[in-house]
Protein backbone atom coordinates (compact mmCIF):
# COMPACT_ATOMS: atom_id res chain seq x y z
CA MET A 1 -0.03 -0.09 0.03
CA SER A 2 3.09 1.99 0.89
CA SER A 3 4.29 1.24 -2.27
CA THR A 4 1.23 2.76 -4.24
CA ILE A 5 1.26 5.83 -2.24
CA SER A 6 4.79 6.86 -2.80
CA HIS A 7 4.30 5.26 -6.78
CA GLU A 8 1.44 8.19 -6.89
CA ARG A 9 2.85 11.14 -5.24
CA ASN A 10 5.57 10.47 -7.36
CA ARG A 11 4.06 10.66 -10.41
CA ALA A 12 2.15 14.14 -9.35
CA GLN A 13 5.75 15.62 -8.65
CA LYS A 14 6.29 14.80 -12.35
CA ASN A 15 3.63 16.10 -13.34
CA ARG A 16 3.64 18.99 -11.03
CA PHE A 17 6.96 19.75 -12.60
CA SER A 18 6.26 19.18 -16.00
CA VAL A 19 6.36 22.82 -16.84
CA PRO A 20 10.37 24.10 -17.09
CA ALA A 21 11.81 24.23 -13.65
CA TRP A 22 13.55 27.86 -14.04
CA LEU A 23 9.73 28.80 -14.78
CA THR A 24 8.65 27.99 -10.90
CA SER A 25 12.07 29.06 -9.30
CA ARG A 26 12.60 32.04 -7.02
CA LEU A 27 15.01 34.09 -9.05
CA PHE A 28 12.44 33.95 -11.70
CA LEU A 29 9.93 35.06 -10.12
CA TRP A 30 11.56 37.77 -9.02
CA LEU A 31 13.21 38.96 -12.13
CA PHE A 32 10.53 40.96 -13.60
CA PRO A 33 9.39 42.55 -10.20
CA ILE A 34 13.05 43.83 -9.37
CA GLY A 35 13.63 44.86 -12.95
CA PHE A 36 10.54 47.12 -13.03
CA ILE A 37 11.18 48.45 -9.37
CA GLY A 38 14.80 49.32 -10.25
CA LEU A 39 13.92 50.49 -13.51
CA PHE A 40 10.62 52.46 -12.46
CA PHE A 41 11.91 53.76 -8.50
CA PHE A 42 15.33 53.62 -7.84
CA TYR A 43 16.80 54.49 -11.61
CA PRO A 44 14.73 57.54 -10.78
CA LEU A 45 15.77 58.29 -7.28
CA THR A 46 19.62 57.62 -8.36
CA ARG A 47 18.85 60.53 -11.28
CA ILE A 48 17.28 63.07 -8.51
CA LEU A 49 20.42 62.54 -6.50
CA THR A 50 22.43 63.28 -9.27
CA TYR A 51 20.67 66.10 -10.11
CA SER A 52 20.70 67.70 -6.34
CA LEU A 53 24.35 67.46 -6.19
CA ASN A 54 24.81 70.15 -8.48
CA VAL A 55 27.36 72.87 -6.60
CA SER A 56 24.81 75.51 -8.49
CA VAL A 57 21.81 74.70 -6.40
CA PHE A 58 23.74 75.61 -3.13
CA THR A 59 23.40 79.11 -3.45
CA PRO A 60 22.33 80.91 0.13
CA GLU A 61 18.61 81.93 -1.57
CA ASN A 62 17.81 78.42 -2.14
CA ILE A 63 19.20 77.16 1.18
CA LYS A 64 17.04 79.96 2.96
CA LEU A 65 14.37 79.09 0.52
CA ILE A 66 14.47 75.14 1.40
CA SER A 67 14.93 75.72 5.04
CA ASP A 68 11.82 77.83 5.20
CA VAL A 69 9.96 75.51 3.41
CA LEU A 70 11.16 72.65 5.58
CA LEU A 71 10.01 74.38 8.53
CA PHE A 72 6.53 74.84 7.97
CA THR A 73 6.25 71.70 6.19
CA LEU A 74 7.26 70.19 10.18
CA TYR A 75 4.92 72.90 11.37
CA GLN A 76 1.55 71.92 9.45
CA ALA A 77 2.26 68.01 9.97
CA LEU A 78 3.20 68.65 13.53
CA LEU A 79 0.03 70.57 14.03
CA SER A 80 -2.31 68.39 11.69
CA THR A 81 -1.40 65.58 13.86
CA LEU A 82 -2.11 66.98 17.35
CA LEU A 83 -5.59 67.60 16.37
CA THR A 84 -5.94 64.47 14.67
CA LEU A 85 -4.95 62.66 18.04
CA LEU A 86 -7.64 65.57 19.44
CA LEU A 87 -10.45 63.82 17.80
CA GLY A 88 -8.66 60.42 16.76
CA LEU A 89 -8.39 59.23 20.73
CA PRO A 90 -11.93 60.33 21.99
CA ALA A 91 -13.27 58.26 18.67
CA ALA A 92 -10.97 55.40 18.94
CA TYR A 93 -12.61 54.69 22.65
CA LEU A 94 -15.50 55.42 22.08
CA PHE A 95 -15.88 52.28 19.45
CA ALA A 96 -13.31 50.27 21.75
CA ARG A 97 -15.51 50.66 24.63
CA PHE A 98 -19.11 51.53 23.66
CA ASP A 99 -21.96 49.53 21.67
CA PHE A 100 -24.63 51.86 20.25
CA PRO A 101 -27.02 51.70 17.10
CA GLY A 102 -25.52 53.04 14.02
CA LYS A 103 -22.09 51.85 15.49
CA SER A 104 -21.08 50.26 12.40
CA LEU A 105 -22.14 52.63 9.74
CA ILE A 106 -20.64 55.46 11.83
CA ARG A 107 -16.82 53.70 12.21
CA ALA A 108 -17.09 52.97 8.17
CA LEU A 109 -17.61 55.80 6.55
CA THR A 110 -14.91 57.40 9.12
CA ALA A 111 -12.66 54.90 6.85
CA VAL A 112 -13.79 56.24 3.68
CA PRO A 113 -12.13 59.38 3.69
CA PHE A 114 -8.60 57.63 3.86
CA MET A 115 -9.08 56.06 0.79
CA LEU A 116 -10.45 59.51 -1.06
CA PRO A 117 -8.22 61.26 -3.39
CA THR A 118 -7.02 64.28 -2.75
CA VAL A 119 -9.15 66.48 -5.34
CA VAL A 120 -12.37 65.13 -4.04
CA VAL A 121 -11.44 65.95 -0.41
CA ALA A 122 -10.22 69.71 -1.44
CA ALA A 123 -14.07 69.99 -3.84
CA GLY A 124 -15.64 68.33 -0.66
CA PHE A 125 -14.48 71.23 1.41
CA ASN A 126 -15.07 73.79 -1.05
CA ALA A 127 -18.62 72.73 -2.04
CA LEU A 128 -19.35 72.95 1.96
CA LEU A 129 -17.19 76.11 3.49
CA GLY A 130 -15.55 77.26 -0.24
CA PRO A 131 -16.65 80.69 -1.75
CA ARG A 132 -19.67 79.09 -3.53
CA GLY A 133 -19.81 76.56 -0.48
CA TRP A 134 -23.43 75.56 1.29
CA LEU A 135 -22.49 77.63 4.40
CA ASN A 136 -21.55 80.89 2.49
CA LEU A 137 -24.81 80.36 0.48
CA GLY A 138 -26.93 80.30 3.22
CA LEU A 139 -25.44 83.58 4.92
CA MET A 140 -25.50 85.15 1.67
CA ALA A 141 -29.12 84.39 1.50
CA SER A 142 -30.25 85.26 4.94
CA LEU A 143 -28.10 88.28 5.60
CA GLY A 144 -28.48 89.81 1.85
CA LEU A 145 -24.67 89.85 0.95
CA GLU A 146 -23.20 89.65 -2.21
CA THR A 147 -20.28 87.57 -1.38
CA GLY A 148 -19.37 84.85 1.48
CA PRO A 149 -18.53 86.13 4.61
CA ILE A 150 -16.35 82.97 5.28
CA GLN A 151 -13.04 82.79 4.11
CA PHE A 152 -11.64 78.98 4.76
CA VAL A 153 -9.72 78.31 1.07
CA GLY A 154 -6.35 79.82 1.03
CA THR A 155 -6.07 79.65 4.85
CA LEU A 156 -3.79 77.53 7.62
CA GLY A 157 -7.53 75.93 8.88
CA ALA A 158 -8.28 74.60 5.48
CA ILE A 159 -5.33 72.32 5.53
CA LEU A 160 -5.08 71.23 9.23
CA LEU A 161 -9.08 70.54 8.52
CA ALA A 162 -8.75 68.44 5.62
CA HIS A 163 -5.69 66.97 7.27
CA VAL A 164 -7.87 65.48 10.49
CA PHE A 165 -10.76 64.56 7.93
CA TYR A 166 -8.33 62.24 6.03
CA ASN A 167 -5.64 60.85 8.68
CA THR A 168 -8.32 60.46 11.99
CA THR A 169 -8.68 56.89 10.67
CA ILE A 170 -5.47 55.60 11.21
CA VAL A 171 -6.12 56.93 15.40
CA ILE A 172 -9.26 55.49 15.29
CA ARG A 173 -7.99 51.88 13.69
CA LEU A 174 -4.77 51.22 15.58
CA MET A 175 -6.21 52.94 18.93
CA GLY A 176 -9.02 50.88 18.68
CA SER A 177 -7.48 48.16 18.61
CA ALA A 178 -5.26 49.08 21.34
CA PHE A 179 -7.89 50.34 24.09
CA SER A 180 -10.03 46.88 23.13
CA GLN A 181 -6.63 44.72 24.12
CA LEU A 182 -6.89 46.62 27.61
CA ASP A 183 -7.97 44.55 30.52
CA PRO A 184 -10.48 46.31 32.42
CA ARG A 185 -9.45 44.61 35.58
CA LEU A 186 -6.44 46.82 35.60
CA GLU A 187 -8.24 49.84 36.30
CA GLY A 188 -10.80 47.64 39.18
CA ALA A 189 -7.32 46.79 40.95
CA ALA A 190 -6.07 50.67 40.64
CA ARG A 191 -9.08 51.88 42.06
CA SER A 192 -9.53 49.57 44.74
CA LEU A 193 -5.98 51.06 45.65
CA GLY A 194 -7.45 54.71 46.36
CA ALA A 195 -6.60 55.83 42.13
CA ASN A 196 -8.58 58.13 40.56
CA THR A 197 -9.01 58.27 36.87
CA LEU A 198 -6.79 60.61 36.43
CA ASN A 199 -4.14 58.45 38.06
CA VAL A 200 -5.21 55.39 36.33
CA TRP A 201 -4.73 56.85 32.84
CA GLY A 202 -1.05 58.03 33.79
CA TYR A 203 -0.11 54.94 35.39
CA VAL A 204 -1.77 52.15 34.46
CA PHE A 205 -3.40 52.63 31.04
CA LEU A 206 -0.95 55.05 29.46
CA PRO A 207 2.55 53.01 29.92
CA LEU A 208 0.73 50.30 28.01
CA LEU A 209 -0.78 52.16 25.30
CA ARG A 210 2.67 53.94 24.53
CA PRO A 211 3.99 52.02 22.10
CA HIS A 212 0.77 51.89 20.09
CA LEU A 213 0.02 55.65 20.61
CA LEU A 214 3.94 56.61 18.93
CA ALA A 215 3.09 54.68 16.03
CA ALA A 216 -0.37 56.11 15.04
CA ALA A 217 0.88 59.55 16.02
CA LEU A 218 4.39 58.86 13.63
CA LEU A 219 1.83 57.03 11.11
CA VAL A 220 -0.42 60.47 11.07
CA PHE A 221 2.89 62.48 10.90
CA LEU A 222 3.88 60.95 8.18
CA PHE A 223 1.31 61.04 5.70
CA ASN A 224 1.10 64.93 7.24
CA PHE A 225 4.40 65.80 5.90
CA THR A 226 3.96 64.27 2.42
CA SER A 227 0.52 65.76 1.92
CA PHE A 228 0.62 67.40 -2.25
CA GLY A 229 -2.67 67.87 -3.44
CA VAL A 230 -4.54 69.70 0.42
CA ILE A 231 -1.91 71.56 0.01
CA LEU A 232 -1.89 72.81 -3.25
CA LEU A 233 -5.60 73.26 -3.73
CA LEU A 234 -7.10 74.18 -0.31
CA GLY A 235 -3.93 76.34 0.99
CA GLY A 236 -2.85 78.42 -2.01
CA PRO A 237 -0.11 80.19 -2.73
CA SER A 238 0.69 81.54 0.96
CA PHE A 239 1.57 78.33 2.24
CA THR A 240 3.95 75.71 0.69
CA THR A 241 5.51 72.59 1.61
CA LEU A 242 8.64 70.52 0.64
CA GLU A 243 5.74 68.44 -2.07
CA VAL A 244 4.15 71.71 -3.39
CA GLU A 245 7.84 73.45 -4.06
CA THR A 246 9.37 70.88 -5.55
CA TYR A 247 5.81 70.81 -7.97
CA ILE A 248 6.40 74.57 -8.87
CA GLN A 249 10.05 74.50 -9.35
CA ALA A 250 10.06 71.38 -11.99
CA LEU A 251 7.02 71.96 -13.64
CA HIS A 252 6.33 76.59 -13.19
CA MET A 253 10.13 77.56 -12.42
CA LEU A 254 11.46 74.80 -14.54
CA ASN A 255 14.60 74.29 -12.11
CA LEU A 256 15.05 70.93 -11.95
CA PRO A 257 18.40 71.39 -9.95
CA LEU A 258 16.44 73.01 -7.11
CA ALA A 259 13.95 70.36 -7.54
CA GLY A 260 15.75 67.64 -7.35
CA LEU A 261 17.33 68.72 -3.98
CA LEU A 262 14.02 69.78 -2.75
CA SER A 263 13.10 66.10 -3.46
CA VAL A 264 15.95 64.37 -1.77
CA VAL A 265 15.67 66.59 1.40
CA GLN A 266 11.96 64.77 1.14
CA ILE A 267 12.71 61.68 1.15
CA LEU A 268 16.10 61.99 3.96
CA CYS A 269 13.21 62.99 6.35
CA THR A 270 10.67 60.73 5.10
CA LEU A 271 13.01 57.66 5.17
CA THR A 272 13.93 58.72 8.81
CA PHE A 273 10.62 58.88 9.81
CA SER A 274 9.92 55.55 8.08
CA VAL A 275 12.93 53.61 9.85
CA ILE A 276 11.38 55.48 13.38
CA TYR A 277 7.80 53.80 12.40
CA THR A 278 9.08 50.61 11.89
CA ARG A 279 11.01 50.21 14.64
CA ILE A 280 8.34 51.64 17.31
CA ILE A 281 5.64 49.40 15.42
CA SER A 282 7.27 46.34 15.88
CA LYS A 283 7.08 46.90 19.64
CA ALA A 284 3.37 48.01 19.53
CA ARG A 285 2.41 44.69 17.39
CA LEU A 286 2.99 43.07 21.45
CA GLN A 287 -0.65 42.11 22.48
CA ILE A 288 -1.32 44.20 25.96
CA PHE A 289 -3.75 42.20 27.77
CA PRO A 290 -6.54 40.70 26.39
CA ARG A 291 -9.87 41.32 27.16
CA ALA A 292 -11.73 38.41 29.19
CA ASP A 293 -15.04 37.33 28.05
CA GLN A 294 -17.09 38.79 30.36
CA TYR A 295 -15.97 42.21 29.89
CA LYS A 296 -17.83 42.92 26.42
CA LEU A 297 -19.33 46.06 24.64
CA GLN A 298 -21.39 47.92 26.49
CA ARG A 299 -24.12 50.50 26.24
CA PRO A 300 -24.08 54.22 27.83
CA HIS A 301 -25.78 53.88 31.17
CA THR A 302 -24.38 57.07 33.04
CA LEU A 303 -25.92 60.55 32.10
CA GLY A 304 -22.05 61.96 31.40
CA GLU A 305 -21.93 58.48 29.24
CA LYS A 306 -24.52 59.11 26.80
CA GLY A 307 -23.37 62.79 26.73
CA TYR A 308 -19.88 61.71 25.92
CA VAL A 309 -21.49 59.09 22.69
CA ILE A 310 -24.02 61.36 21.61
CA GLY A 311 -21.87 64.12 21.37
CA LEU A 312 -18.75 63.00 19.54
CA ASN A 313 -21.43 60.94 17.23
CA VAL A 314 -22.51 64.32 16.14
CA ILE A 315 -19.45 65.80 15.64
CA LEU A 316 -17.93 62.66 13.35
CA ILE A 317 -20.55 63.32 11.60
CA PHE A 318 -20.23 67.03 11.30
CA VAL A 319 -16.77 66.42 9.98
CA PHE A 320 -17.16 63.03 7.64
CA VAL A 321 -19.77 62.97 6.39
CA LEU A 322 -21.07 66.56 5.87
CA PRO A 323 -17.83 67.36 3.24
CA MET A 324 -19.07 64.00 0.94
CA LEU A 325 -22.68 65.18 1.59
CA ALA A 326 -22.19 68.68 -0.03
CA LEU A 327 -20.00 67.43 -3.04
CA PRO A 328 -23.22 65.80 -4.82
CA LEU A 329 -25.48 68.15 -3.69
CA ARG A 330 -23.30 71.16 -4.58
CA SER A 331 -23.43 69.34 -7.89
CA VAL A 332 -27.27 69.50 -8.97
CA PHE A 333 -27.33 73.16 -7.52
CA ARG A 334 -27.41 76.17 -9.04
CA LEU A 335 -26.08 79.70 -8.57
CA GLU A 336 -26.40 82.40 -10.30
CA ALA A 337 -26.07 86.05 -10.44
CA ALA A 338 -28.03 89.17 -12.32
CA ARG A 339 -25.80 91.53 -13.32
CA GLY A 340 -26.57 95.14 -11.74
CA GLU A 341 -26.16 97.23 -9.19
CA ARG A 342 -27.19 94.95 -6.56
CA ALA A 343 -26.86 91.32 -7.03
CA ASP A 344 -29.75 89.04 -7.51
CA VAL A 345 -28.81 85.70 -6.05
CA LYS A 346 -31.26 82.93 -7.87
CA TYR A 347 -31.09 79.33 -6.55
CA GLY A 348 -32.03 76.21 -7.92
CA LEU A 349 -31.36 73.00 -8.89
CA THR A 350 -30.15 71.84 -12.41
CA SER A 351 -28.20 68.66 -14.28
CA GLU A 352 -26.71 71.45 -16.59
CA TYR A 353 -23.06 70.61 -14.62
CA TYR A 354 -23.13 67.02 -15.65
CA SER A 355 -24.23 67.77 -19.07
CA GLU A 356 -21.94 70.20 -19.97
CA LEU A 357 -19.08 67.28 -18.96
CA PHE A 358 -19.66 66.47 -22.83
CA THR A 359 -20.20 69.95 -24.55
CA ASN A 360 -16.97 71.53 -26.17
CA ARG A 361 -18.80 75.25 -25.74
CA ARG A 362 -15.76 77.28 -27.21
CA GLY A 363 -15.52 75.45 -30.28
CA SER A 364 -11.63 74.79 -29.30
CA ILE A 365 -9.44 71.92 -31.43
CA PHE A 366 -7.68 71.95 -28.12
CA TYR A 367 -10.01 71.83 -25.61
CA VAL A 368 -10.37 67.75 -23.95
CA PRO A 369 -13.90 67.53 -22.91
CA PRO A 370 -14.20 66.47 -19.11
CA ILE A 371 -16.13 63.47 -20.20
CA GLN A 372 -12.86 62.41 -21.92
CA ALA A 373 -10.46 63.18 -19.23
CA ALA A 374 -13.02 60.38 -16.91
CA PHE A 375 -12.52 58.15 -20.21
CA ASN A 376 -8.49 58.92 -19.81
CA SER A 377 -8.92 57.89 -16.44
CA LEU A 378 -10.57 54.95 -17.08
CA GLY A 379 -7.93 53.43 -19.56
CA TYR A 380 -5.01 54.62 -17.35
CA ALA A 381 -6.74 52.55 -14.28
CA GLY A 382 -7.29 49.63 -16.12
CA ILE A 383 -3.55 49.59 -17.54
CA THR A 384 -2.54 50.40 -13.70
CA VAL A 385 -4.33 46.76 -12.90
CA LEU A 386 -2.79 44.99 -15.26
CA ILE A 387 0.57 46.23 -14.80
CA SER A 388 0.36 45.66 -10.83
CA LEU A 389 -0.78 42.23 -11.33
CA MET A 390 1.60 41.11 -13.42
CA MET A 391 4.24 42.50 -11.53
CA GLY A 392 2.53 41.82 -8.26
CA PHE A 393 1.73 38.24 -8.44
CA PRO A 394 5.21 36.89 -9.08
CA ALA A 395 6.91 38.91 -5.80
CA ALA A 396 3.98 37.72 -4.00
CA SER A 397 3.89 34.12 -4.30
CA ALA A 398 7.63 34.57 -3.95
CA LEU A 399 6.72 35.97 -0.55
CA ALA A 400 4.46 33.74 0.48
CA HIS A 401 6.96 31.47 1.37
CA PRO A 402 9.75 33.23 2.42
CA GLY A 403 13.16 32.47 2.82
CA LYS A 404 16.71 34.64 2.98
CA LEU A 405 16.35 35.83 -0.44
CA GLU A 406 12.73 37.67 0.68
CA ARG A 407 13.77 38.36 3.68
CA TRP A 408 16.21 41.01 1.80
CA LEU A 409 13.97 41.99 -1.31
CA ASP A 410 10.52 42.38 1.04
CA PRO A 411 11.74 45.68 2.40
CA LEU A 412 12.50 47.12 -1.31
CA PHE A 413 8.84 46.89 -2.39
CA LEU A 414 7.50 49.05 0.71
CA LEU A 415 10.03 52.03 -0.15
CA PRO A 416 7.78 53.42 -2.62
CA LEU A 417 5.51 53.95 0.43
CA GLY A 418 7.88 56.26 1.63
CA ALA A 419 8.69 57.99 -1.14
CA SER A 420 6.03 61.18 -2.51
CA ALA A 421 4.33 60.84 -5.42
CA VAL A 422 5.75 64.48 -6.99
CA THR A 423 9.38 63.00 -6.26
CA LEU A 424 8.32 59.80 -7.91
CA GLY A 425 7.24 62.58 -11.07
CA LEU A 426 10.49 64.71 -11.20
CA GLY A 427 12.35 61.44 -10.92
CA PHE A 428 10.88 59.93 -14.18
CA ILE A 429 10.83 63.50 -15.87
CA ILE A 430 14.65 63.53 -15.59
CA SER A 431 15.26 60.14 -16.21
CA PHE A 432 13.10 59.33 -19.24
CA ASN A 433 13.68 62.56 -21.11
CA ARG A 434 16.25 60.96 -23.82
CA PRO A 435 17.23 58.09 -25.63
CA PRO A 436 17.23 54.99 -25.17
CA LEU A 437 14.99 55.63 -22.54
CA ARG A 438 12.51 58.78 -24.02
CA MET A 439 9.29 58.13 -22.78
CA LEU A 440 7.99 61.59 -22.01
CA ALA A 441 5.87 61.93 -24.49
CA SER A 442 4.51 58.47 -24.32
CA PRO A 443 0.82 58.17 -22.51
CA TRP A 444 2.42 55.09 -21.01
CA LEU A 445 4.43 57.12 -18.27
CA ILE A 446 1.42 57.30 -16.25
CA PRO A 447 0.16 54.53 -15.74
CA LEU A 448 3.31 53.17 -14.77
CA ALA A 449 4.23 55.56 -12.36
CA HIS A 450 0.57 54.45 -10.89
CA SER A 451 1.79 51.22 -10.95
CA MET A 452 4.64 51.96 -9.18
CA VAL A 453 2.42 53.84 -6.33
CA ALA A 454 -0.01 50.69 -6.09
CA LEU A 455 2.25 47.77 -6.53
CA PRO A 456 3.18 47.30 -2.51
CA PHE A 457 -0.76 47.85 -1.83
CA VAL A 458 -1.25 45.13 -4.55
CA ILE A 459 1.66 42.72 -2.57
CA ARG A 460 0.28 43.31 0.31
CA THR A 461 -3.34 42.43 -0.41
CA LEU A 462 -2.00 39.14 -2.52
CA GLN A 463 0.57 37.69 -0.18
CA PRO A 464 -1.85 36.46 2.57
CA ALA A 465 -4.18 34.68 0.37
CA LEU A 466 -1.08 33.08 -1.80
CA ALA A 467 0.49 32.01 1.45
CA SER A 468 -3.17 30.14 2.22
CA ILE A 469 -3.30 27.74 -0.31
CA PRO A 470 -2.36 24.22 1.31
CA ASP A 471 0.08 22.55 -0.70
CA ARG A 472 -1.46 19.10 0.37
CA LEU A 473 -5.28 20.32 -2.25
CA ARG A 474 -2.03 20.69 -5.34
CA ASP A 475 -0.77 17.62 -4.47
CA ALA A 476 -4.19 15.81 -4.42
CA ALA A 477 -5.09 17.59 -7.73
CA PHE A 478 -2.24 16.15 -9.27
CA ILE A 479 -2.87 12.77 -8.14
CA LEU A 480 -5.97 12.78 -9.98
CA GLY A 481 -3.94 13.65 -13.22
CA ALA A 482 -4.27 17.46 -13.35
CA SER A 483 -2.49 19.71 -15.85
CA PRO A 484 -0.25 22.53 -13.84
CA TYR A 485 -3.25 24.96 -15.43
CA ARG A 486 -6.44 22.44 -14.63
CA ALA A 487 -4.62 22.25 -10.69
CA TRP A 488 -4.55 26.17 -10.75
CA LEU A 489 -7.55 26.71 -12.11
CA ALA A 490 -9.66 24.33 -9.51
CA VAL A 491 -7.38 24.82 -5.80
CA ASP A 492 -5.21 28.36 -6.38
CA TRP A 493 -8.31 30.19 -7.92
CA PRO A 494 -10.84 29.78 -5.46
CA ILE A 495 -8.49 30.54 -3.04
CA ILE A 496 -7.36 33.70 -4.02
CA TRP A 497 -10.04 35.53 -6.32
CA ARG A 498 -11.16 37.32 -3.25
CA ALA A 499 -7.38 38.90 -2.79
CA SER A 500 -7.13 39.30 -6.53
CA LEU A 501 -10.20 41.24 -7.02
CA ALA A 502 -9.23 43.36 -3.94
CA ALA A 503 -5.57 44.04 -5.57
CA ALA A 504 -7.28 44.90 -8.54
CA THR A 505 -9.49 47.31 -6.59
CA PHE A 506 -7.20 48.69 -5.20
CA ALA A 507 -4.53 49.68 -8.52
CA PHE A 508 -7.90 50.64 -9.86
CA THR A 509 -8.93 53.09 -7.28
CA ILE A 510 -4.84 54.34 -6.75
CA SER A 511 -5.22 54.94 -10.33
CA LEU A 512 -8.29 56.89 -10.64
CA GLY A 513 -7.22 59.35 -8.02
CA GLU A 514 -3.19 59.86 -7.95
CA PHE A 515 -3.27 63.23 -8.18
CA GLY A 516 1.12 64.13 -7.35
CA ALA A 517 2.93 62.14 -10.49
CA THR A 518 0.13 63.05 -12.53
CA ALA A 519 0.45 66.72 -11.85
CA LEU A 520 4.00 66.34 -13.18
CA LEU A 521 3.47 63.80 -16.21
CA THR A 522 0.14 64.53 -17.80
CA ARG A 523 0.02 65.83 -21.58
CA PRO A 524 -2.50 68.65 -21.74
CA GLU A 525 -4.36 65.98 -24.86
CA TYR A 526 -4.64 63.67 -22.02
CA PRO A 527 -5.50 64.82 -18.65
CA THR A 528 -6.74 62.97 -15.94
CA ILE A 529 -10.42 63.61 -13.68
CA PRO A 530 -8.29 64.96 -11.10
CA ILE A 531 -6.61 66.82 -13.58
CA ALA A 532 -9.46 68.02 -14.97
CA ILE A 533 -10.91 68.71 -11.35
CA TYR A 534 -7.84 71.36 -10.12
CA ARG A 535 -8.35 73.27 -13.58
CA PHE A 536 -11.84 73.87 -13.35
CA LEU A 537 -11.28 75.09 -9.34
CA SER A 538 -8.16 76.96 -10.37
CA GLN A 539 -10.92 78.88 -13.01
CA PRO A 540 -13.25 81.93 -12.54
CA GLY A 541 -16.96 81.34 -12.75
CA GLY A 542 -19.76 79.24 -12.01
CA LEU A 543 -19.61 76.97 -14.30
CA ASN A 544 -16.59 75.77 -14.40
CA TYR A 545 -16.88 75.56 -10.45
CA GLY A 546 -20.11 73.25 -11.35
CA GLN A 547 -18.41 71.06 -13.42
CA ALA A 548 -15.32 70.71 -10.80
CA MET A 549 -18.69 69.59 -8.63
CA ALA A 550 -19.73 66.99 -10.62
CA MET A 551 -16.41 65.25 -11.87
CA ALA A 552 -15.51 65.26 -8.27
CA THR A 553 -18.94 63.59 -7.52
CA ILE A 554 -18.48 61.02 -10.29
CA LEU A 555 -14.68 60.26 -8.69
CA MET A 556 -16.26 60.23 -5.17
CA PHE A 557 -18.44 57.37 -5.89
CA LEU A 558 -16.06 55.55 -8.14
CA ALA A 559 -13.67 55.89 -5.00
CA THR A 560 -15.99 54.60 -2.68
CA GLY A 561 -17.50 51.67 -4.73
CA GLY A 562 -13.88 50.68 -4.82
CA ILE A 563 -13.14 50.84 -1.20
CA MET A 564 -16.38 48.92 -0.30
CA LEU A 565 -15.45 45.96 -2.39
CA ILE A 566 -11.83 46.36 -1.24
CA GLU A 567 -13.47 45.81 2.55
CA ARG A 568 -15.61 43.15 1.13
CA PHE A 569 -13.04 41.44 -0.55
CA ARG A 570 -9.76 42.28 1.37
CA PRO A 571 -8.29 38.83 2.87
CA PRO A 572 -8.16 38.65 7.03
CA GLY A 573 -4.26 38.55 6.97
CA ALA A 574 -3.83 41.91 4.67
CA ARG A 575 -2.44 44.75 6.92
CA GLU A 576 -4.60 47.93 6.50
CA PHE A 577 -1.00 50.00 7.76
């Protein structure tokens, strides 16, 4: 009997590896992903470093410019982080401690902004608090004013509020998990020894939560430090960070050496923060205390608890729901002002802004209708999905069963997360502007940049699913005479299709909303949805503003649908941050 099983196993192994051995070797699996990240990430970064070493760049004026920009970048990132913690920590405790109606919905709504494109967030706050936003429209109508009294766009407050909107979910997720691991019996023991609430938090909970708190704060700081679209669209020319100044110097001033030096400063800072975060998160992953079964989420009982739950939910709805709700409503709302000594403001519902997306009102041969920008974005996103999956599957397959080689290569594919999209776009401009790599005129350059941004997410989504495939099922399929393709179709695909769909959706959603690299690389005749929204918001006139709102609404629904698919099909082992 044992000889028969051995014979069948040998036959299965022979059938299993009937394809050439080199096709399944680890070196072959890494060949294309390493070549891809080497050509489209490390090579552009090396070229940026070469440009930044130009001696003529190190002038007193440039050094002062860089120091001023760096100080403001650090200042706004630190201030945004503190405000995010101020809202995120109470919200994390709320979701970890209490159970109340609508909890799942509100928690999901706080997670949506993190994946929304920056232009959508900017348009949402513009629709709510901008010069033509709902709040200003209401004040103009009630007070008989000709202009909105609230000046929001172009202020530091707009930047800070948008960053809080974006990053609060990071604090909620990381700190909520930490709060849920705190054993309530520790609090009871401390109070039995005479400790008050302040002492319990200061001497019991805070030492246990410190690694998680530092990790959440540093991750939020890192995202604020590399923010680009929020600063450019809501901050205005008065507020310039390293990202925005790099964009200005490269695209408007055509000063590539100075832009390269700014990018090097940004990369060094980002890598420093990333290394610190990695060391902190390794400690924060340690479990604190498992929650005992008898300690469950509780309904608010006391008046103070009810006030805490209700008040915080109102704040969360105001911060997270109103900007997303104001955007689609503003896209179907028309504001007309009749000419005369006193503006006669008229309001009404309209579908004009959406119909104008299909119209070339000026009749210019150089004009690209907004709907064409949508088709461009969809085309770029489709190509990005194909490239990301083609590079992501081999890398994730190798990482599913890591060896010594994978331990060295795995961190390399996380590095694009620490580099800004603006830096990547600048590197592409410097690297691919001459033969034999002259690609700046090619529309393929944008999906290649998008794929570089999306690749780490794709790999991290596919890896747990590929690692969960049992070898015994494959062996059983080969014993029954299945070919390698048939075995993959019958065994592997049913296990990994959900992760594959989530990874593809990740790449698709990231490509749709990518703004930093696209702003540098896009050609006038091939704009994307974010670029079109930025152009409309930068131009005066109610029609331009309405079209920006309409396009941002379309992009918001596409991104939200992608987020819902990701949350629905992402495997349990995939990491969030």
